[in-house]
N, C-alpha and C. Protein backbone atom coordinates (compact mmCIF):
# COMPACT_ATOMS: atom_id res chain seq x y z
N VAL A 1 5.79 -20.23 7.36
CA VAL A 1 6.65 -19.81 6.30
C VAL A 1 7.69 -18.84 6.88
N GLN A 2 8.85 -18.98 6.34
CA GLN A 2 10.02 -18.16 6.72
C GLN A 2 10.31 -17.21 5.60
N LEU A 3 10.56 -15.87 5.92
CA LEU A 3 10.68 -14.88 4.85
C LEU A 3 12.06 -14.17 5.07
N GLN A 4 12.61 -13.86 4.00
CA GLN A 4 14.00 -13.20 4.16
C GLN A 4 13.94 -12.06 2.98
N ALA A 5 14.01 -10.83 3.49
CA ALA A 5 14.05 -9.69 2.54
C ALA A 5 15.45 -9.31 2.23
N SER A 6 15.68 -8.86 1.06
CA SER A 6 17.02 -8.39 0.64
C SER A 6 16.88 -7.32 -0.45
N GLY A 7 17.95 -6.70 -0.75
CA GLY A 7 17.99 -5.71 -1.96
C GLY A 7 18.07 -4.28 -1.42
N GLY A 8 17.99 -4.01 -0.16
CA GLY A 8 18.02 -2.68 0.25
C GLY A 8 19.41 -2.03 0.03
N GLY A 9 19.54 -0.74 0.31
CA GLY A 9 20.80 -0.09 0.19
C GLY A 9 20.67 1.49 0.18
N LEU A 10 21.77 2.08 -0.20
CA LEU A 10 21.75 3.57 -0.31
C LEU A 10 21.64 4.02 -1.71
N VAL A 11 20.74 4.89 -2.02
CA VAL A 11 20.56 5.33 -3.38
C VAL A 11 20.15 6.81 -3.34
N GLN A 12 20.56 7.50 -4.35
CA GLN A 12 20.27 8.99 -4.48
C GLN A 12 18.75 9.12 -4.84
N ALA A 13 18.24 10.25 -4.54
CA ALA A 13 16.83 10.59 -4.88
C ALA A 13 16.66 10.49 -6.42
N GLY A 14 15.60 9.96 -6.79
CA GLY A 14 15.39 9.61 -8.20
C GLY A 14 15.81 8.29 -8.70
N GLY A 15 16.60 7.61 -7.89
CA GLY A 15 17.04 6.30 -8.29
C GLY A 15 16.12 5.20 -8.01
N SER A 16 16.59 3.99 -8.27
CA SER A 16 15.72 2.77 -8.19
C SER A 16 16.35 1.71 -7.32
N LEU A 17 15.54 0.91 -6.71
CA LEU A 17 15.98 -0.33 -6.07
C LEU A 17 14.91 -1.44 -6.29
N ARG A 18 15.37 -2.70 -6.27
CA ARG A 18 14.38 -3.73 -6.27
C ARG A 18 14.66 -4.62 -5.06
N LEU A 19 13.57 -4.75 -4.22
CA LEU A 19 13.61 -5.59 -3.03
C LEU A 19 13.05 -6.92 -3.45
N SER A 20 13.77 -7.93 -2.76
CA SER A 20 13.20 -9.31 -2.97
C SER A 20 12.83 -9.89 -1.61
N CYS A 21 11.91 -10.82 -1.67
CA CYS A 21 11.54 -11.51 -0.39
C CYS A 21 11.48 -12.94 -0.78
N ALA A 22 12.39 -13.72 -0.24
CA ALA A 22 12.44 -15.16 -0.48
C ALA A 22 11.79 -15.91 0.56
N ALA A 23 10.83 -16.87 0.25
CA ALA A 23 10.16 -17.64 1.24
C ALA A 23 10.55 -19.06 1.22
N SER A 24 10.46 -19.65 2.36
CA SER A 24 10.68 -21.18 2.47
C SER A 24 9.63 -21.64 3.35
N GLY A 25 9.38 -22.87 3.13
CA GLY A 25 8.29 -23.57 3.83
C GLY A 25 7.14 -23.92 2.88
N PRO A 26 5.90 -23.69 3.35
CA PRO A 26 4.73 -24.02 2.55
C PRO A 26 4.72 -23.23 1.19
N PRO A 27 4.01 -23.68 0.19
CA PRO A 27 3.96 -22.95 -1.06
C PRO A 27 3.50 -21.52 -0.88
N LEU A 28 4.21 -20.57 -1.53
CA LEU A 28 3.90 -19.20 -1.32
C LEU A 28 2.45 -18.86 -1.83
N SER A 29 1.96 -19.63 -2.76
CA SER A 29 0.64 -19.36 -3.28
C SER A 29 -0.50 -19.46 -2.23
N ARG A 30 -0.15 -19.95 -1.06
CA ARG A 30 -1.14 -20.06 0.03
C ARG A 30 -1.43 -18.60 0.69
N TYR A 31 -0.53 -17.69 0.40
CA TYR A 31 -0.61 -16.45 1.18
C TYR A 31 -0.74 -15.26 0.20
N VAL A 32 -1.43 -14.18 0.64
CA VAL A 32 -1.22 -12.91 0.20
C VAL A 32 -0.06 -12.25 0.76
N MET A 33 0.62 -11.46 0.01
CA MET A 33 1.96 -10.97 0.45
C MET A 33 1.92 -9.45 0.48
N GLY A 34 2.72 -8.94 1.41
CA GLY A 34 2.77 -7.47 1.53
C GLY A 34 4.12 -6.99 1.84
N TRP A 35 4.42 -5.69 1.49
CA TRP A 35 5.57 -4.99 1.86
C TRP A 35 5.14 -3.89 2.79
N PHE A 36 5.88 -3.71 3.89
CA PHE A 36 5.64 -2.66 4.82
C PHE A 36 6.91 -1.97 5.05
N ARG A 37 6.91 -0.86 5.69
CA ARG A 37 8.11 -0.04 6.00
C ARG A 37 7.96 0.72 7.35
N GLN A 38 9.10 0.91 8.00
CA GLN A 38 9.09 1.60 9.21
C GLN A 38 10.24 2.54 9.35
N ALA A 39 10.02 3.83 9.45
CA ALA A 39 11.01 4.85 9.59
C ALA A 39 11.23 5.02 11.05
N PRO A 40 12.43 5.60 11.51
CA PRO A 40 12.63 5.81 12.90
C PRO A 40 11.61 6.79 13.51
N GLY A 41 11.13 6.30 14.71
CA GLY A 41 10.10 7.06 15.35
C GLY A 41 8.66 7.07 14.85
N THR A 42 8.45 6.15 13.91
CA THR A 42 7.10 5.93 13.29
C THR A 42 6.60 4.63 13.43
N GLU A 43 5.29 4.41 13.18
CA GLU A 43 4.72 3.10 13.25
C GLU A 43 4.99 2.39 11.91
N ARG A 44 5.03 1.10 11.95
CA ARG A 44 5.13 0.29 10.64
C ARG A 44 3.92 0.57 9.76
N GLU A 45 4.15 0.85 8.52
CA GLU A 45 3.02 1.20 7.59
C GLU A 45 3.02 0.30 6.41
N PHE A 46 1.78 0.01 5.92
CA PHE A 46 1.66 -0.68 4.64
C PHE A 46 2.13 0.05 3.47
N VAL A 47 2.83 -0.65 2.59
CA VAL A 47 3.35 -0.08 1.37
C VAL A 47 2.61 -0.65 0.15
N ALA A 48 2.55 -2.01 -0.01
CA ALA A 48 2.00 -2.60 -1.15
C ALA A 48 1.66 -4.07 -0.77
N GLY A 49 0.55 -4.53 -1.53
CA GLY A 49 0.16 -5.89 -1.26
C GLY A 49 -0.16 -6.58 -2.53
N ILE A 50 -0.19 -7.89 -2.62
CA ILE A 50 -0.44 -8.67 -3.76
C ILE A 50 -1.16 -9.93 -3.45
N GLY A 51 -2.18 -10.24 -4.32
CA GLY A 51 -3.01 -11.40 -4.10
C GLY A 51 -2.18 -12.66 -4.36
N ARG A 52 -2.82 -13.80 -4.04
CA ARG A 52 -2.10 -15.12 -4.10
C ARG A 52 -1.45 -15.38 -5.42
N PHE A 53 -2.11 -15.06 -6.55
CA PHE A 53 -1.65 -15.33 -7.91
C PHE A 53 -1.17 -14.08 -8.69
N GLY A 54 -1.11 -13.02 -8.00
CA GLY A 54 -0.52 -11.83 -8.60
C GLY A 54 -1.51 -11.01 -9.47
N SER A 55 -2.71 -11.34 -9.51
CA SER A 55 -3.74 -10.59 -10.39
C SER A 55 -4.24 -9.36 -9.69
N SER A 56 -4.09 -9.24 -8.40
CA SER A 56 -4.60 -8.12 -7.68
C SER A 56 -3.51 -7.46 -6.83
N THR A 57 -3.47 -6.16 -6.81
CA THR A 57 -2.55 -5.50 -6.08
C THR A 57 -3.10 -4.26 -5.32
N ARG A 58 -2.45 -3.87 -4.31
CA ARG A 58 -2.85 -2.65 -3.60
C ARG A 58 -1.61 -1.78 -3.30
N TYR A 59 -1.73 -0.47 -3.23
CA TYR A 59 -0.60 0.41 -2.85
C TYR A 59 -1.12 1.49 -1.95
N THR A 60 -0.19 1.86 -1.06
CA THR A 60 -0.50 3.13 -0.35
C THR A 60 -0.40 4.34 -1.32
N ASP A 61 -1.07 5.37 -1.06
CA ASP A 61 -1.14 6.49 -2.06
C ASP A 61 0.21 7.04 -2.32
N SER A 62 1.07 7.15 -1.38
CA SER A 62 2.38 7.91 -1.53
C SER A 62 3.38 7.13 -2.52
N VAL A 63 3.05 5.84 -2.84
CA VAL A 63 3.94 5.08 -3.68
C VAL A 63 3.29 4.74 -5.03
N LYS A 64 2.10 5.06 -5.20
CA LYS A 64 1.34 4.70 -6.44
C LYS A 64 2.09 5.39 -7.74
N GLY A 65 2.28 4.56 -8.72
CA GLY A 65 2.98 5.06 -9.88
C GLY A 65 4.41 5.04 -9.80
N ARG A 66 5.00 4.72 -8.58
CA ARG A 66 6.53 4.68 -8.40
C ARG A 66 6.94 3.22 -8.10
N PHE A 67 6.09 2.51 -7.24
CA PHE A 67 6.50 1.23 -6.80
C PHE A 67 5.60 0.21 -7.48
N THR A 68 6.17 -1.04 -7.79
CA THR A 68 5.48 -2.11 -8.29
C THR A 68 5.70 -3.43 -7.62
N ILE A 69 4.67 -4.02 -7.01
CA ILE A 69 4.88 -5.30 -6.33
C ILE A 69 4.53 -6.41 -7.34
N SER A 70 5.27 -7.53 -7.29
CA SER A 70 5.10 -8.72 -8.14
C SER A 70 5.47 -9.88 -7.37
N ARG A 71 5.11 -11.09 -7.91
CA ARG A 71 5.53 -12.31 -7.21
C ARG A 71 5.75 -13.42 -8.27
N ASP A 72 6.61 -14.30 -7.97
CA ASP A 72 6.87 -15.46 -8.75
C ASP A 72 6.70 -16.74 -7.83
N ASN A 73 5.53 -17.28 -7.84
CA ASN A 73 5.23 -18.45 -6.99
C ASN A 73 6.15 -19.62 -7.23
N ALA A 74 6.59 -19.75 -8.47
CA ALA A 74 7.50 -20.88 -8.81
C ALA A 74 8.85 -20.71 -8.13
N LYS A 75 9.19 -19.46 -7.87
CA LYS A 75 10.48 -19.21 -7.22
C LYS A 75 10.23 -18.89 -5.76
N ASN A 76 8.98 -18.88 -5.30
CA ASN A 76 8.68 -18.55 -3.89
C ASN A 76 9.24 -17.22 -3.48
N THR A 77 9.13 -16.26 -4.36
CA THR A 77 9.69 -14.86 -4.20
C THR A 77 8.75 -13.78 -4.55
N VAL A 78 8.83 -12.70 -3.71
CA VAL A 78 7.90 -11.55 -3.94
C VAL A 78 8.99 -10.43 -4.18
N TYR A 79 8.61 -9.48 -5.03
CA TYR A 79 9.49 -8.39 -5.33
C TYR A 79 8.74 -7.02 -5.10
N LEU A 80 9.66 -6.04 -4.85
CA LEU A 80 9.10 -4.66 -4.83
C LEU A 80 10.13 -3.79 -5.68
N GLN A 81 9.69 -3.38 -6.82
CA GLN A 81 10.44 -2.48 -7.64
C GLN A 81 10.10 -1.02 -7.19
N MET A 82 11.13 -0.36 -6.83
CA MET A 82 10.95 1.04 -6.36
C MET A 82 11.66 2.02 -7.28
N ASN A 83 10.94 2.82 -7.93
CA ASN A 83 11.47 3.88 -8.87
C ASN A 83 11.27 5.20 -8.37
N SER A 84 11.91 6.16 -8.82
CA SER A 84 11.79 7.59 -8.47
C SER A 84 11.81 7.73 -6.89
N LEU A 85 12.75 7.11 -6.36
CA LEU A 85 12.80 7.16 -4.92
C LEU A 85 13.03 8.58 -4.33
N ARG A 86 12.41 8.79 -3.14
CA ARG A 86 12.45 10.04 -2.51
C ARG A 86 13.12 9.90 -1.10
N PRO A 87 13.67 10.92 -0.55
CA PRO A 87 14.14 10.80 0.85
C PRO A 87 13.14 10.27 1.80
N GLU A 88 11.91 10.67 1.71
CA GLU A 88 10.91 10.20 2.58
C GLU A 88 10.52 8.75 2.42
N ASP A 89 11.10 8.04 1.43
CA ASP A 89 11.01 6.59 1.38
C ASP A 89 11.96 5.86 2.22
N THR A 90 12.90 6.58 2.84
CA THR A 90 13.88 5.95 3.73
C THR A 90 13.23 5.31 4.90
N ALA A 91 13.52 3.95 5.03
CA ALA A 91 12.92 3.25 6.13
C ALA A 91 13.52 1.75 6.05
N VAL A 92 13.23 1.00 7.09
CA VAL A 92 13.44 -0.48 7.01
C VAL A 92 12.20 -1.02 6.41
N TYR A 93 12.38 -1.83 5.33
CA TYR A 93 11.31 -2.50 4.56
C TYR A 93 11.21 -3.94 4.97
N TYR A 94 9.99 -4.33 5.21
CA TYR A 94 9.69 -5.74 5.61
C TYR A 94 8.64 -6.37 4.69
N CYS A 95 8.95 -7.66 4.47
CA CYS A 95 7.86 -8.37 3.77
C CYS A 95 7.12 -9.23 4.73
N ALA A 96 5.93 -9.54 4.37
CA ALA A 96 5.04 -10.28 5.26
C ALA A 96 4.03 -11.08 4.50
N ALA A 97 3.56 -12.16 5.11
CA ALA A 97 2.61 -13.09 4.47
C ALA A 97 1.41 -13.22 5.40
N ASP A 98 0.26 -13.45 4.71
CA ASP A 98 -0.98 -13.65 5.52
C ASP A 98 -1.87 -14.62 4.78
N GLY A 99 -2.62 -15.42 5.53
CA GLY A 99 -3.51 -16.44 4.99
C GLY A 99 -4.92 -15.81 4.63
N GLY A 100 -5.13 -14.50 4.89
CA GLY A 100 -6.38 -13.91 4.76
C GLY A 100 -6.53 -13.23 3.46
N SER A 101 -7.19 -11.99 3.52
CA SER A 101 -7.54 -11.27 2.28
C SER A 101 -6.66 -10.08 2.03
N LEU A 102 -6.31 -9.81 0.73
CA LEU A 102 -5.67 -8.68 0.34
C LEU A 102 -6.39 -7.34 0.79
N LEU A 103 -7.70 -7.42 0.83
CA LEU A 103 -8.44 -6.23 1.07
C LEU A 103 -8.33 -5.73 2.47
N VAL A 104 -8.04 -6.57 3.42
CA VAL A 104 -7.88 -6.10 4.79
C VAL A 104 -6.41 -6.21 5.30
N MET A 105 -5.52 -6.17 4.42
CA MET A 105 -4.13 -6.27 4.79
C MET A 105 -3.72 -5.13 5.53
N GLY A 106 -2.98 -5.33 6.63
CA GLY A 106 -2.45 -4.29 7.45
C GLY A 106 -1.41 -4.71 8.31
N ALA A 107 -0.68 -3.79 8.89
CA ALA A 107 0.51 -4.13 9.81
C ALA A 107 0.17 -5.00 10.99
N ASN A 108 -1.09 -4.90 11.48
CA ASN A 108 -1.55 -5.69 12.56
C ASN A 108 -2.14 -6.95 12.26
N ALA A 109 -2.19 -7.33 10.98
CA ALA A 109 -2.99 -8.49 10.50
C ALA A 109 -2.21 -9.54 9.81
N MET A 110 -0.92 -9.40 9.75
CA MET A 110 -0.08 -10.35 8.99
C MET A 110 0.34 -11.52 9.84
N ASP A 111 0.36 -12.79 9.27
CA ASP A 111 0.70 -13.86 10.06
C ASP A 111 2.22 -14.05 10.20
N TYR A 112 2.92 -13.78 9.14
CA TYR A 112 4.38 -14.01 9.22
C TYR A 112 5.13 -12.75 8.74
N TRP A 113 6.34 -12.54 9.36
CA TRP A 113 7.19 -11.38 9.05
C TRP A 113 8.56 -11.93 8.79
N GLY A 114 9.22 -11.19 7.87
CA GLY A 114 10.65 -11.46 7.62
C GLY A 114 11.42 -10.31 8.30
N LYS A 115 12.65 -10.52 8.43
CA LYS A 115 13.62 -9.42 8.92
C LYS A 115 13.65 -8.38 7.87
N GLY A 116 13.84 -7.15 8.24
CA GLY A 116 13.77 -6.01 7.33
C GLY A 116 15.07 -5.79 6.57
N THR A 117 15.00 -4.97 5.56
CA THR A 117 16.15 -4.53 4.81
C THR A 117 16.09 -3.03 4.77
N GLN A 118 17.25 -2.39 5.00
CA GLN A 118 17.28 -0.97 5.07
C GLN A 118 17.33 -0.28 3.68
N VAL A 119 16.51 0.73 3.47
CA VAL A 119 16.54 1.52 2.30
C VAL A 119 16.75 2.93 2.76
N THR A 120 17.83 3.55 2.22
CA THR A 120 18.14 4.95 2.51
C THR A 120 18.29 5.73 1.20
N VAL A 121 17.53 6.71 1.15
CA VAL A 121 17.46 7.61 -0.05
C VAL A 121 18.01 8.98 0.32
N SER A 122 19.17 9.34 -0.35
CA SER A 122 19.82 10.67 -0.06
C SER A 122 19.28 11.72 -0.90
N SER A 123 19.24 12.91 -0.41
CA SER A 123 18.75 14.03 -1.25
C SER A 123 19.82 14.70 -2.03
């Protein structure tokens, strides 16, 4: 599966952005999907994940209550709605797909990666 993330940009603290991840190839419903991010000088980290049909989600603690992951399998697209953005959310955001379990999703366990989209939050 090929993945393409979009929707990044520059936003002031407290603002919102919605990232999209468009997939091509096999049906998206074959995969659990995740969003990850990497800031300069840091390792890529898990942000949010969603099960194959959208009924299960996971979030890293720092984004709970602010970010929402969703998917539309008919459109082969996954979204990340980001609200109440903070300067520490600044990073390149990546979407990824995996044929395994949402419960063990991690940066070292994804099968497919898209190119990232830059999110910059100014204070």
